[in-house]
PDB file of N, CA and C in Angstrom:
ATOM      1  N   MET A   1    -140.193 -47.950 -20.051  1.00  0.00           N
ATOM      2  CA  MET A   1    -139.899 -49.335 -20.356  1.00  0.00           C
ATOM      3  C   MET A   1    -139.583 -49.523 -21.840  1.00  0.00           C
ATOM      4  N   THR A   2    -140.368 -48.891 -22.706  1.00  0.00           N
ATOM      5  CA  THR A   2    -140.121 -48.990 -24.147  1.00  0.00           C
ATOM      6  C   THR A   2    -138.759 -48.429 -24.494  1.00  0.00           C
ATOM      7  N   ALA A   3    -138.425 -47.282 -23.909  1.00  0.00           N
ATOM      8  CA  ALA A   3    -137.123 -46.662 -24.177  1.00  0.00           C
ATOM      9  C   ALA A   3    -135.992 -47.598 -23.759  1.00  0.00           C
ATOM     10  N   THR A   4    -136.132 -48.217 -22.617  1.00  0.00           N
ATOM     11  CA  THR A   4    -135.093 -49.132 -22.127  1.00  0.00           C
ATOM     12  C   THR A   4    -134.903 -50.301 -23.087  1.00  0.00           C
ATOM     13  N   ILE A   5    -135.997 -50.868 -23.552  1.00  0.00           N
ATOM     14  CA  ILE A   5    -135.913 -51.990 -24.499  1.00  0.00           C
ATOM     15  C   ILE A   5    -135.245 -51.534 -25.793  1.00  0.00           C
ATOM     16  N   LEU A   6    -135.650 -50.384 -26.313  1.00  0.00           N
ATOM     17  CA  LEU A   6    -135.061 -49.884 -27.563  1.00  0.00           C
ATOM     18  C   LEU A   6    -133.582 -49.552 -27.401  1.00  0.00           C
ATOM     19  N   ILE A   7    -133.207 -48.996 -26.263  1.00  0.00           N
ATOM     20  CA  ILE A   7    -131.789 -48.707 -26.007  1.00  0.00           C
ATOM     21  C   ILE A   7    -130.998 -50.004 -25.941  1.00  0.00           C
ATOM     22  N   CYS A   8    -131.565 -51.036 -25.338  1.00  0.00           N
ATOM     23  CA  CYS A   8    -130.916 -52.352 -25.315  1.00  0.00           C
ATOM     24  C   CYS A   8    -130.719 -52.884 -26.731  1.00  0.00           C
ATOM     25  N   VAL A   9    -131.725 -52.712 -27.577  1.00  0.00           N
ATOM     26  CA  VAL A   9    -131.617 -53.147 -28.975  1.00  0.00           C
ATOM     27  C   VAL A   9    -130.477 -52.407 -29.671  1.00  0.00           C
ATOM     28  N   VAL A  10    -130.413 -51.096 -29.492  1.00  0.00           N
ATOM     29  CA  VAL A  10    -129.347 -50.293 -30.112  1.00  0.00           C
ATOM     30  C   VAL A  10    -127.982 -50.765 -29.598  1.00  0.00           C
ATOM     31  N   ALA A  11    -127.866 -50.998 -28.298  1.00  0.00           N
ATOM     32  CA  ALA A  11    -126.598 -51.472 -27.735  1.00  0.00           C
ATOM     33  C   ALA A  11    -126.220 -52.838 -28.314  1.00  0.00           C
ATOM     34  N   LEU A  12    -127.196 -53.728 -28.453  1.00  0.00           N
ATOM     35  CA  LEU A  12    -126.917 -55.054 -29.021  1.00  0.00           C
ATOM     36  C   LEU A  12    -126.508 -54.971 -30.486  1.00  0.00           C
ATOM     37  N   ILE A  13    -127.163 -54.105 -31.249  1.00  0.00           N
ATOM     38  CA  ILE A  13    -126.778 -53.903 -32.653  1.00  0.00           C
ATOM     39  C   ILE A  13    -125.318 -53.478 -32.722  1.00  0.00           C
ATOM     40  N   HIS A  14    -124.951 -52.526 -31.875  1.00  0.00           N
ATOM     41  CA  HIS A  14    -123.581 -52.027 -31.911  1.00  0.00           C
ATOM     42  C   HIS A  14    -122.576 -53.030 -31.347  1.00  0.00           C
ATOM     43  N   ALA A  15    -122.998 -53.850 -30.395  1.00  0.00           N
ATOM     44  CA  ALA A  15    -122.117 -54.910 -29.916  1.00  0.00           C
ATOM     45  C   ALA A  15    -121.822 -55.893 -31.058  1.00  0.00           C
ATOM     46  N   TYR A  16    -122.828 -56.191 -31.857  1.00  0.00           N
ATOM     47  CA  TYR A  16    -122.627 -57.066 -33.007  1.00  0.00           C
ATOM     48  C   TYR A  16    -121.700 -56.408 -34.028  1.00  0.00           C
ATOM     49  N   ILE A  17    -121.863 -55.121 -34.230  1.00  0.00           N
ATOM     50  CA  ILE A  17    -120.986 -54.388 -35.156  1.00  0.00           C
ATOM     51  C   ILE A  17    -119.545 -54.417 -34.648  1.00  0.00           C
ATOM     52  N   VAL A  18    -119.367 -54.299 -33.333  1.00  0.00           N
ATOM     53  CA  VAL A  18    -118.019 -54.406 -32.751  1.00  0.00           C
ATOM     54  C   VAL A  18    -117.398 -55.747 -33.147  1.00  0.00           C
ATOM     55  N   LEU A  19    -118.149 -56.823 -32.988  1.00  0.00           N
ATOM     56  CA  LEU A  19    -117.640 -58.147 -33.354  1.00  0.00           C
ATOM     57  C   LEU A  19    -117.315 -58.222 -34.840  1.00  0.00           C
ATOM     58  N   LEU A  20    -118.212 -57.701 -35.658  1.00  0.00           N
ATOM     59  CA  LEU A  20    -117.973 -57.723 -37.105  1.00  0.00           C
ATOM     60  C   LEU A  20    -116.711 -56.960 -37.482  1.00  0.00           C
ATOM     61  N   GLU A  21    -116.529 -55.798 -36.892  1.00  0.00           N
ATOM     62  CA  GLU A  21    -115.405 -54.951 -37.290  1.00  0.00           C
ATOM     63  C   GLU A  21    -114.084 -55.347 -36.628  1.00  0.00           C
ATOM     64  N   MET A  22    -114.143 -55.832 -35.402  1.00  0.00           N
ATOM     65  CA  MET A  22    -112.901 -56.137 -34.695  1.00  0.00           C
ATOM     66  C   MET A  22    -112.438 -57.583 -34.852  1.00  0.00           C
ATOM     67  N   LEU A  23    -113.382 -58.508 -34.944  1.00  0.00           N
ATOM     68  CA  LEU A  23    -113.005 -59.927 -34.983  1.00  0.00           C
ATOM     69  C   LEU A  23    -113.304 -60.605 -36.313  1.00  0.00           C
ATOM     70  N   TRP A  24    -114.383 -60.223 -36.957  1.00  0.00           N
ATOM     71  CA  TRP A  24    -114.833 -60.954 -38.141  1.00  0.00           C
ATOM     72  C   TRP A  24    -114.658 -60.197 -39.448  1.00  0.00           C
ATOM     73  N   TRP A  25    -113.988 -59.052 -39.421  1.00  0.00           N
ATOM     74  CA  TRP A  25    -113.851 -58.222 -40.620  1.00  0.00           C
ATOM     75  C   TRP A  25    -113.290 -59.016 -41.793  1.00  0.00           C
ATOM     76  N   ASP A  26    -112.247 -59.769 -41.554  1.00  0.00           N
ATOM     77  CA  ASP A  26    -111.552 -60.483 -42.631  1.00  0.00           C
ATOM     78  C   ASP A  26    -112.011 -61.938 -42.726  1.00  0.00           C
ATOM     79  N   THR A  27    -113.309 -62.157 -42.491  1.00  0.00           N
ATOM     80  CA  THR A  27    -113.897 -63.491 -42.613  1.00  0.00           C
ATOM     81  C   THR A  27    -115.068 -63.403 -43.592  1.00  0.00           C
ATOM     82  N   PRO A  28    -115.545 -64.538 -44.075  1.00  0.00           N
ATOM     83  CA  PRO A  28    -116.709 -64.491 -44.967  1.00  0.00           C
ATOM     84  C   PRO A  28    -117.905 -63.758 -44.353  1.00  0.00           C
ATOM     85  N   ARG A  29    -118.119 -63.945 -43.058  1.00  0.00           N
ATOM     86  CA  ARG A  29    -119.236 -63.275 -42.382  1.00  0.00           C
ATOM     87  C   ARG A  29    -119.064 -61.755 -42.426  1.00  0.00           C
ATOM     88  N   GLY A  30    -117.879 -61.268 -42.111  1.00  0.00           N
ATOM     89  CA  GLY A  30    -117.608 -59.832 -42.141  1.00  0.00           C
ATOM     90  C   GLY A  30    -117.688 -59.264 -43.549  1.00  0.00           C
ATOM     91  N   ARG A  31    -117.111 -59.975 -44.500  1.00  0.00           N
ATOM     92  CA  ARG A  31    -117.151 -59.498 -45.892  1.00  0.00           C
ATOM     93  C   ARG A  31    -118.582 -59.442 -46.412  1.00  0.00           C
ATOM     94  N   LYS A  32    -119.394 -60.412 -46.036  1.00  0.00           N
ATOM     95  CA  LYS A  32    -120.795 -60.402 -46.471  1.00  0.00           C
ATOM     96  C   LYS A  32    -121.542 -59.224 -45.850  1.00  0.00           C
ATOM     97  N   ALA A  33    -121.328 -58.987 -44.565  1.00  0.00           N
ATOM     98  CA  ALA A  33    -122.029 -57.904 -43.871  1.00  0.00           C
ATOM     99  C   ALA A  33    -121.709 -56.542 -44.464  1.00  0.00           C
ATOM    100  N   PHE A  34    -120.456 -56.344 -44.867  1.00  0.00           N
ATOM    101  CA  PHE A  34    -120.038 -55.034 -45.354  1.00  0.00           C
ATOM    102  C   PHE A  34    -119.842 -54.979 -46.868  1.00  0.00           C
ATOM    103  N   GLY A  35    -120.071 -56.099 -47.538  1.00  0.00           N
ATOM    104  CA  GLY A  35    -119.966 -56.121 -48.995  1.00  0.00           C
ATOM    105  C   GLY A  35    -118.559 -55.849 -49.494  1.00  0.00           C
ATOM    106  N   THR A  36    -117.558 -56.443 -48.836  1.00  0.00           N
ATOM    107  CA  THR A  36    -116.171 -56.213 -49.232  1.00  0.00           C
ATOM    108  C   THR A  36    -115.573 -57.470 -49.844  1.00  0.00           C
ATOM    109  N   THR A  37    -114.444 -57.294 -50.466  1.00  0.00           N
ATOM    110  CA  THR A  37    -113.708 -58.414 -51.046  1.00  0.00           C
ATOM    111  C   THR A  37    -112.665 -58.896 -50.044  1.00  0.00           C
ATOM    112  N   ALA A  38    -112.141 -60.094 -50.296  1.00  0.00           N
ATOM    113  CA  ALA A  38    -111.094 -60.637 -49.428  1.00  0.00           C
ATOM    114  C   ALA A  38    -109.867 -59.725 -49.437  1.00  0.00           C
ATOM    115  N   GLU A  39    -109.523 -59.214 -50.599  1.00  0.00           N
ATOM    116  CA  GLU A  39    -108.359 -58.324 -50.702  1.00  0.00           C
ATOM    117  C   GLU A  39    -108.573 -57.042 -49.887  1.00  0.00           C
ATOM    118  N   PHE A  40    -109.737 -56.429 -50.061  1.00  0.00           N
ATOM    119  CA  PHE A  40    -110.015 -55.193 -49.332  1.00  0.00           C
ATOM    120  C   PHE A  40    -110.051 -55.427 -47.831  1.00  0.00           C
ATOM    121  N   SER A  41    -110.737 -56.488 -47.408  1.00  0.00           N
ATOM    122  CA  SER A  41    -110.850 -56.737 -45.965  1.00  0.00           C
ATOM    123  C   SER A  41    -109.488 -57.032 -45.351  1.00  0.00           C
ATOM    124  N   SER A  42    -108.636 -57.723 -46.073  1.00  0.00           N
ATOM    125  CA  SER A  42    -107.294 -58.007 -45.573  1.00  0.00           C
ATOM    126  C   SER A  42    -106.486 -56.727 -45.398  1.00  0.00           C
ATOM    127  N   GLN A  43    -106.604 -55.827 -46.360  1.00  0.00           N
ATOM    128  CA  GLN A  43    -105.840 -54.589 -46.319  1.00  0.00           C
ATOM    129  C   GLN A  43    -106.382 -53.577 -45.323  1.00  0.00           C
ATOM    130  N   SER A  44    -107.643 -53.683 -44.968  1.00  0.00           N
ATOM    131  CA  SER A  44    -108.269 -52.649 -44.135  1.00  0.00           C
ATOM    132  C   SER A  44    -108.655 -53.130 -42.738  1.00  0.00           C
ATOM    133  N   LYS A  45    -108.219 -54.315 -42.346  1.00  0.00           N
ATOM    134  CA  LYS A  45    -108.695 -54.853 -41.073  1.00  0.00           C
ATOM    135  C   LYS A  45    -108.241 -54.043 -39.862  1.00  0.00           C
ATOM    136  N   THR A  46    -107.096 -53.395 -39.929  1.00  0.00           N
ATOM    137  CA  THR A  46    -106.669 -52.554 -38.811  1.00  0.00           C
ATOM    138  C   THR A  46    -107.575 -51.335 -38.685  1.00  0.00           C
ATOM    139  N   LEU A  47    -107.926 -50.741 -39.809  1.00  0.00           N
ATOM    140  CA  LEU A  47    -108.847 -49.601 -39.782  1.00  0.00           C
ATOM    141  C   LEU A  47    -110.218 -50.020 -39.271  1.00  0.00           C
ATOM    142  N   ALA A  48    -110.681 -51.184 -39.704  1.00  0.00           N
ATOM    143  CA  ALA A  48    -111.984 -51.666 -39.261  1.00  0.00           C
ATOM    144  C   ALA A  48    -111.983 -51.937 -37.754  1.00  0.00           C
ATOM    145  N   ALA A  49    -110.896 -52.489 -37.246  1.00  0.00           N
ATOM    146  CA  ALA A  49    -110.814 -52.752 -35.810  1.00  0.00           C
ATOM    147  C   ALA A  49    -110.869 -51.442 -35.023  1.00  0.00           C
ATOM    148  N   ASN A  50    -110.231 -50.407 -35.539  1.00  0.00           N
ATOM    149  CA  ASN A  50    -110.291 -49.093 -34.892  1.00  0.00           C
ATOM    150  C   ASN A  50    -111.722 -48.564 -34.885  1.00  0.00           C
ATOM    151  N   GLN A  51    -112.386 -48.729 -35.994  1.00  0.00           N
ATOM    152  CA  GLN A  51    -113.793 -48.322 -36.098  1.00  0.00           C
ATOM    153  C   GLN A  51    -114.654 -49.128 -35.132  1.00  0.00           C
ATOM    154  N   GLY A  52    -114.359 -50.408 -35.007  1.00  0.00           N
ATOM    155  CA  GLY A  52    -115.089 -51.261 -34.072  1.00  0.00           C
ATOM    156  C   GLY A  52    -114.909 -50.820 -32.631  1.00  0.00           C
ATOM    157  N   LEU A  53    -113.707 -50.355 -32.307  1.00  0.00           N
ATOM    158  CA  LEU A  53    -113.455 -49.869 -30.956  1.00  0.00           C
ATOM    159  C   LEU A  53    -114.356 -48.680 -30.636  1.00  0.00           C
ATOM    160  N   TYR A  54    -114.523 -47.774 -31.591  1.00  0.00           N
ATOM    161  CA  TYR A  54    -115.407 -46.627 -31.386  1.00  0.00           C
ATOM    162  C   TYR A  54    -116.853 -47.081 -31.176  1.00  0.00           C
ATOM    163  N   ASN A  55    -117.280 -48.079 -31.932  1.00  0.00           N
ATOM    164  CA  ASN A  55    -118.621 -48.624 -31.711  1.00  0.00           C
ATOM    165  C   ASN A  55    -118.729 -49.239 -30.323  1.00  0.00           C
ATOM    166  N   GLY A  56    -117.638 -49.818 -29.843  1.00  0.00           N
ATOM    167  CA  GLY A  56    -117.624 -50.358 -28.493  1.00  0.00           C
ATOM    168  C   GLY A  56    -117.828 -49.277 -27.439  1.00  0.00           C
ATOM    169  N   PHE A  57    -117.279 -48.098 -27.687  1.00  0.00           N
ATOM    170  CA  PHE A  57    -117.498 -46.991 -26.754  1.00  0.00           C
ATOM    171  C   PHE A  57    -118.964 -46.579 -26.731  1.00  0.00           C
ATOM    172  N   LEU A  58    -119.625 -46.643 -27.882  1.00  0.00           N
ATOM    173  CA  LEU A  58    -121.058 -46.340 -27.912  1.00  0.00           C
ATOM    174  C   LEU A  58    -121.829 -47.352 -27.077  1.00  0.00           C
ATOM    175  N   VAL A  59    -121.483 -48.618 -27.216  1.00  0.00           N
ATOM    176  CA  VAL A  59    -122.127 -49.667 -26.414  1.00  0.00           C
ATOM    177  C   VAL A  59    -121.891 -49.403 -24.929  1.00  0.00           C
ATOM    178  N   ALA A  60    -120.653 -49.121 -24.569  1.00  0.00           N
ATOM    179  CA  ALA A  60    -120.319 -48.879 -23.159  1.00  0.00           C
ATOM    180  C   ALA A  60    -121.121 -47.709 -22.597  1.00  0.00           C
ATOM    181  N   GLY A  61    -121.240 -46.632 -23.375  1.00  0.00           N
ATOM    182  CA  GLY A  61    -121.990 -45.471 -22.911  1.00  0.00           C
ATOM    183  C   GLY A  61    -123.466 -45.771 -22.728  1.00  0.00           C
ATOM    184  N   LEU A  62    -124.040 -46.515 -23.664  1.00  0.00           N
ATOM    185  CA  LEU A  62    -125.459 -46.873 -23.545  1.00  0.00           C
ATOM    186  C   LEU A  62    -125.700 -47.794 -22.355  1.00  0.00           C
ATOM    187  N   VAL A  63    -124.831 -48.768 -22.169  1.00  0.00           N
ATOM    188  CA  VAL A  63    -124.976 -49.693 -21.042  1.00  0.00           C
ATOM    189  C   VAL A  63    -124.788 -48.941 -19.721  1.00  0.00           C
ATOM    190  N   TRP A  64    -123.843 -48.033 -19.678  1.00  0.00           N
ATOM    191  CA  TRP A  64    -123.629 -47.218 -18.487  1.00  0.00           C
ATOM    192  C   TRP A  64    -124.891 -46.418 -18.152  1.00  0.00           C
ATOM    193  N   GLY A  65    -125.464 -45.791 -19.178  1.00  0.00           N
ATOM    194  CA  GLY A  65    -126.696 -45.033 -18.974  1.00  0.00           C
ATOM    195  C   GLY A  65    -127.837 -45.915 -18.480  1.00  0.00           C
ATOM    196  N   LEU A  66    -127.957 -47.103 -19.054  1.00  0.00           N
ATOM    197  CA  LEU A  66    -128.999 -48.036 -18.602  1.00  0.00           C
ATOM    198  C   LEU A  66    -128.763 -48.467 -17.157  1.00  0.00           C
ATOM    199  N   TRP A  67    -127.520 -48.730 -16.817  1.00  0.00           N
ATOM    200  CA  TRP A  67    -127.174 -49.171 -15.476  1.00  0.00           C
ATOM    201  C   TRP A  67    -127.541 -48.105 -14.438  1.00  0.00           C
ATOM    202  N   LEU A  68    -127.408 -46.836 -14.819  1.00  0.00           N
ATOM    203  CA  LEU A  68    -127.736 -45.749 -13.897  1.00  0.00           C
ATOM    204  C   LEU A  68    -129.236 -45.500 -13.765  1.00  0.00           C
ATOM    205  N   GLY A  69    -130.026 -46.094 -14.624  1.00  0.00           N
ATOM    206  CA  GLY A  69    -131.479 -45.901 -14.575  1.00  0.00           C
ATOM    207  C   GLY A  69    -131.858 -44.464 -14.900  1.00  0.00           C
ATOM    208  N   GLU A  70    -132.746 -43.895 -14.124  1.00  0.00           N
ATOM    209  CA  GLU A  70    -133.192 -42.510 -14.359  1.00  0.00           C
ATOM    210  C   GLU A  70    -132.033 -41.517 -14.297  1.00  0.00           C
ATOM    211  N   ALA A  71    -131.064 -41.794 -13.445  1.00  0.00           N
ATOM    212  CA  ALA A  71    -129.907 -40.903 -13.318  1.00  0.00           C
ATOM    213  C   ALA A  71    -129.043 -40.909 -14.582  1.00  0.00           C
ATOM    214  N   GLY A  72    -129.242 -41.884 -15.442  1.00  0.00           N
ATOM    215  CA  GLY A  72    -128.472 -41.983 -16.681  1.00  0.00           C
ATOM    216  C   GLY A  72    -129.128 -41.330 -17.875  1.00  0.00           C
ATOM    217  N   PHE A  73    -130.160 -40.543 -17.635  1.00  0.00           N
ATOM    218  CA  PHE A  73    -130.896 -39.910 -18.741  1.00  0.00           C
ATOM    219  C   PHE A  73    -129.971 -39.124 -19.675  1.00  0.00           C
ATOM    220  N   ALA A  74    -129.111 -38.299 -19.120  1.00  0.00           N
ATOM    221  CA  ALA A  74    -128.224 -37.476 -19.954  1.00  0.00           C
ATOM    222  C   ALA A  74    -127.246 -38.350 -20.742  1.00  0.00           C
ATOM    223  N   LEU A  75    -126.728 -39.393 -20.114  1.00  0.00           N
ATOM    224  CA  LEU A  75    -125.816 -40.303 -20.822  1.00  0.00           C
ATOM    225  C   LEU A  75    -126.526 -40.996 -21.978  1.00  0.00           C
ATOM    226  N   LYS A  76    -127.705 -41.511 -21.711  1.00  0.00           N
ATOM    227  CA  LYS A  76    -128.459 -42.197 -22.764  1.00  0.00           C
ATOM    228  C   LYS A  76    -128.766 -41.238 -23.909  1.00  0.00           C
ATOM    229  N   THR A  77    -129.161 -40.023 -23.568  1.00  0.00           N
ATOM    230  CA  THR A  77    -129.450 -39.021 -24.595  1.00  0.00           C
ATOM    231  C   THR A  77    -128.202 -38.722 -25.426  1.00  0.00           C
ATOM    232  N   PHE A  78    -127.093 -38.506 -24.752  1.00  0.00           N
ATOM    233  CA  PHE A  78    -125.840 -38.191 -25.448  1.00  0.00           C
ATOM    234  C   PHE A  78    -125.410 -39.326 -26.380  1.00  0.00           C
ATOM    235  N   PHE A  79    -125.358 -40.552 -25.858  1.00  0.00           N
ATOM    236  CA  PHE A  79    -124.861 -41.659 -26.673  1.00  0.00           C
ATOM    237  C   PHE A  79    -125.828 -42.040 -27.791  1.00  0.00           C
ATOM    238  N   LEU A  80    -127.123 -41.935 -27.576  1.00  0.00           N
ATOM    239  CA  LEU A  80    -128.071 -42.160 -28.678  1.00  0.00           C
ATOM    240  C   LEU A  80    -127.889 -41.100 -29.763  1.00  0.00           C
ATOM    241  N   THR A  81    -127.659 -39.862 -29.343  1.00  0.00           N
ATOM    242  CA  THR A  81    -127.414 -38.794 -30.318  1.00  0.00           C
ATOM    243  C   THR A  81    -126.136 -39.070 -31.103  1.00  0.00           C
ATOM    244  N   CYS A  82    -125.112 -39.548 -30.433  1.00  0.00           N
ATOM    245  CA  CYS A  82    -123.869 -39.922 -31.127  1.00  0.00           C
ATOM    246  C   CYS A  82    -124.133 -41.005 -32.179  1.00  0.00           C
ATOM    247  N   VAL A  83    -124.928 -42.012 -31.817  1.00  0.00           N
ATOM    248  CA  VAL A  83    -125.255 -43.088 -32.756  1.00  0.00           C
ATOM    249  C   VAL A  83    -126.010 -42.521 -33.960  1.00  0.00           C
ATOM    250  N   ILE A  84    -126.943 -41.632 -33.708  1.00  0.00           N
ATOM    251  CA  ILE A  84    -127.720 -41.035 -34.799  1.00  0.00           C
ATOM    252  C   ILE A  84    -126.811 -40.242 -35.724  1.00  0.00           C
ATOM    253  N   VAL A  85    -125.958 -39.408 -35.169  1.00  0.00           N
ATOM    254  CA  VAL A  85    -125.048 -38.595 -35.992  1.00  0.00           C
ATOM    255  C   VAL A  85    -124.125 -39.497 -36.803  1.00  0.00           C
ATOM    256  N   ALA A  86    -123.541 -40.509 -36.146  1.00  0.00           N
ATOM    257  CA  ALA A  86    -122.663 -41.434 -36.860  1.00  0.00           C
ATOM    258  C   ALA A  86    -123.421 -42.189 -37.950  1.00  0.00           C
ATOM    259  N   GLY A  87    -124.652 -42.581 -37.665  1.00  0.00           N
ATOM    260  CA  GLY A  87    -125.458 -43.292 -38.655  1.00  0.00           C
ATOM    261  C   GLY A  87    -125.817 -42.434 -39.848  1.00  0.00           C
ATOM    262  N   VAL A  88    -126.166 -41.191 -39.604  1.00  0.00           N
ATOM    263  CA  VAL A  88    -126.485 -40.268 -40.703  1.00  0.00           C
ATOM    264  C   VAL A  88    -125.233 -40.010 -41.550  1.00  0.00           C
ATOM    265  N   TYR A  89    -124.115 -39.799 -40.885  1.00  0.00           N
ATOM    266  CA  TYR A  89    -122.864 -39.576 -41.612  1.00  0.00           C
ATOM    267  C   TYR A  89    -122.491 -40.817 -42.431  1.00  0.00           C
ATOM    268  N   GLY A  90    -122.607 -41.983 -41.816  1.00  0.00           N
ATOM    269  CA  GLY A  90    -122.306 -43.221 -42.528  1.00  0.00           C
ATOM    270  C   GLY A  90    -123.223 -43.444 -43.717  1.00  0.00           C
ATOM    271  N   ALA A  91    -124.483 -43.098 -43.558  1.00  0.00           N
ATOM    272  CA  ALA A  91    -125.434 -43.232 -44.667  1.00  0.00           C
ATOM    273  C   ALA A  91    -125.093 -42.280 -45.802  1.00  0.00           C
ATOM    274  N   ALA A  92    -124.620 -41.095 -45.449  1.00  0.00           N
ATOM    275  CA  ALA A  92    -124.276 -40.100 -46.474  1.00  0.00           C
ATOM    276  C   ALA A  92    -122.960 -40.417 -47.170  1.00  0.00           C
ATOM    277  N   THR A  93    -122.050 -41.088 -46.476  1.00  0.00           N
ATOM    278  CA  THR A  93    -120.712 -41.289 -47.039  1.00  0.00           C
ATOM    279  C   THR A  93    -120.375 -42.722 -47.426  1.00  0.00           C
ATOM    280  N   ALA A  94    -121.065 -43.688 -46.844  1.00  0.00           N
ATOM    281  CA  ALA A  94    -120.686 -45.083 -47.090  1.00  0.00           C
ATOM    282  C   ALA A  94    -121.813 -45.911 -47.692  1.00  0.00           C
ATOM    283  N   SER A  95    -122.921 -46.031 -46.971  1.00  0.00           N
ATOM    284  CA  SER A  95    -124.025 -46.878 -47.428  1.00  0.00           C
ATOM    285  C   SER A  95    -125.328 -46.402 -46.803  1.00  0.00           C
ATOM    286  N   ARG A  96    -126.348 -46.267 -47.621  1.00  0.00           N
ATOM    287  CA  ARG A  96    -127.646 -45.815 -47.125  1.00  0.00           C
ATOM    288  C   ARG A  96    -128.226 -46.771 -46.085  1.00  0.00           C
ATOM    289  N   LYS A  97    -127.873 -48.054 -46.156  1.00  0.00           N
ATOM    290  CA  LYS A  97    -128.442 -49.012 -45.203  1.00  0.00           C
ATOM    291  C   LYS A  97    -128.042 -48.707 -43.768  1.00  0.00           C
ATOM    292  N   ILE A  98    -126.946 -47.968 -43.566  1.00  0.00           N
ATOM    293  CA  ILE A  98    -126.532 -47.577 -42.214  1.00  0.00           C
ATOM    294  C   ILE A  98    -127.611 -46.721 -41.556  1.00  0.00           C
ATOM    295  N   LEU A  99    -128.304 -45.941 -42.356  1.00  0.00           N
ATOM    296  CA  LEU A  99    -129.377 -45.103 -41.830  1.00  0.00           C
ATOM    297  C   LEU A  99    -130.452 -45.968 -41.167  1.00  0.00           C
ATOM    298  N   TYR A 100    -130.764 -47.097 -41.771  1.00  0.00           N
ATOM    299  CA  TYR A 100    -131.825 -47.965 -41.270  1.00  0.00           C
ATOM    300  C   TYR A 100    -131.344 -48.907 -40.170  1.00  0.00           C
ATOM    301  N   ILE A 101    -130.088 -49.337 -40.258  1.00  0.00           N
ATOM    302  CA  ILE A 101    -129.558 -50.305 -39.296  1.00  0.00           C
ATOM    303  C   ILE A 101    -129.131 -49.626 -37.996  1.00  0.00           C
ATOM    304  N   GLN A 102    -128.567 -48.418 -38.100  1.00  0.00           N
ATOM    305  CA  GLN A 102    -128.028 -47.759 -36.913  1.00  0.00           C
ATOM    306  C   GLN A 102    -128.823 -46.525 -36.494  1.00  0.00           C
ATOM    307  N   ALA A 103    -129.005 -45.591 -37.416  1.00  0.00           N
ATOM    308  CA  ALA A 103    -129.601 -44.299 -37.047  1.00  0.00           C
ATOM    309  C   ALA A 103    -131.086 -44.424 -36.690  1.00  0.00           C
ATOM    310  N   ALA A 104    -131.843 -45.154 -37.468  1.00  0.00           N
ATOM    311  CA  ALA A 104    -133.289 -45.239 -37.218  1.00  0.00           C
ATOM    312  C   ALA A 104    -133.612 -45.877 -35.860  1.00  0.00           C
ATOM    313  N   PRO A 105    -133.009 -47.019 -35.508  1.00  0.00           N
ATOM    314  CA  PRO A 105    -133.302 -47.565 -34.182  1.00  0.00           C
ATOM    315  C   PRO A 105    -132.898 -46.608 -33.051  1.00  0.00           C
ATOM    316  N   ALA A 106    -131.765 -45.928 -33.224  1.00  0.00           N
ATOM    317  CA  ALA A 106    -131.335 -44.972 -32.191  1.00  0.00           C
ATOM    318  C   ALA A 106    -132.294 -43.790 -32.110  1.00  0.00           C
ATOM    319  N   ALA A 107    -132.799 -43.340 -33.247  1.00  0.00           N
ATOM    320  CA  ALA A 107    -133.758 -42.227 -33.244  1.00  0.00           C
ATOM    321  C   ALA A 107    -135.056 -42.637 -32.543  1.00  0.00           C
ATOM    322  N   LEU A 108    -135.509 -43.851 -32.788  1.00  0.00           N
ATOM    323  CA  LEU A 108    -136.712 -44.343 -32.103  1.00  0.00           C
ATOM    324  C   LEU A 108    -136.478 -44.446 -30.598  1.00  0.00           C
ATOM    325  N   ALA A 109    -135.305 -44.952 -30.227  1.00  0.00           N
ATOM    326  CA  ALA A 109    -134.983 -45.060 -28.805  1.00  0.00           C
ATOM    327  C   ALA A 109    -134.902 -43.679 -28.155  1.00  0.00           C
ATOM    328  N   LEU A 110    -134.294 -42.727 -28.842  1.00  0.00           N
ATOM    329  CA  LEU A 110    -134.197 -41.369 -28.304  1.00  0.00           C
ATOM    330  C   LEU A 110    -135.574 -40.742 -28.162  1.00  0.00           C
ATOM    331  N   LEU A 111    -136.407 -40.914 -29.153  1.00  0.00           N
ATOM    332  CA  LEU A 111    -137.769 -40.385 -29.082  1.00  0.00           C
ATOM    333  C   LEU A 111    -138.511 -41.000 -27.891  1.00  0.00           C
ATOM    334  N   ALA A 112    -138.414 -42.309 -27.734  1.00  0.00           N
ATOM    335  CA  ALA A 112    -139.069 -42.976 -26.599  1.00  0.00           C
ATOM    336  C   ALA A 112    -138.520 -42.469 -25.274  1.00  0.00           C
ATOM    337  N   LEU A 113    -137.221 -42.242 -25.226  1.00  0.00           N
ATOM    338  CA  LEU A 113    -136.595 -41.744 -24.007  1.00  0.00           C
ATOM    339  C   LEU A 113    -137.088 -40.340 -23.676  1.00  0.00           C
ATOM    340  N   LEU A 114    -137.163 -39.484 -24.706  1.00  0.00           N
ATOM    341  CA  LEU A 114    -137.545 -38.089 -24.489  1.00  0.00           C
ATOM    342  C   LEU A 114    -139.011 -37.939 -24.104  1.00  0.00           C
ATOM    343  N   ILE A 115    -139.861 -38.818 -24.642  1.00  0.00           N
ATOM    344  CA  ILE A 115    -141.285 -38.713 -24.268  1.00  0.00           C
ATOM    345  C   ILE A 115    -141.631 -39.661 -23.123  1.00  0.00           C
ATOM    346  N   ARG A 116    -140.597 -40.321 -22.606  1.00  0.00           N
ATOM    347  CA  ARG A 116    -140.690 -41.163 -21.397  1.00  0.00           C
ATOM    348  C   ARG A 116    -141.670 -42.321 -21.536  1.00  0.00           C
ATOM    349  N   ILE A 117    -141.517 -43.082 -22.640  1.00  0.00           N
ATOM    350  CA  ILE A 117    -142.359 -44.281 -22.762  1.00  0.00           C
ATOM    351  C   ILE A 117    -141.500 -45.528 -22.641  1.00  0.00           C
TER     352      ILE A 117
END
C-alpha cells in the first residue's frame, strides 16, 4: 500500500512537470519553476515541450504498472529506476534540486516496492 501511494506521488509530480514543460514553459509559472528568463523560455519552449513528452512517458509507464497491480511489478521497477537515473543526471547537470524533487521520491517508492510495503 505504501509503495502504491508513493508511486502515485511520483506519477503526479511528473504529470505536473509535463504541464510545466509542455504548456506553461513560457509563462510566469514555468519561468518561476525553472528559474528562467522570458527570453530563454521563449527560445527554448520547443526543447522543453520535447522534454515534457519524455516525462509524460514516465507517467504513462508508472500508471500502467499501477493499473496492472502485482503483475506490474517489473514495469513499476523499470519506470521508477528511469526516474531515479534521470533525476540523478539532472541533479548533476542542471540543478541539485532535481535530486530532491524527482530522484528522492522515486527512490523511496522503489525501496517501498522492493520491500513490499
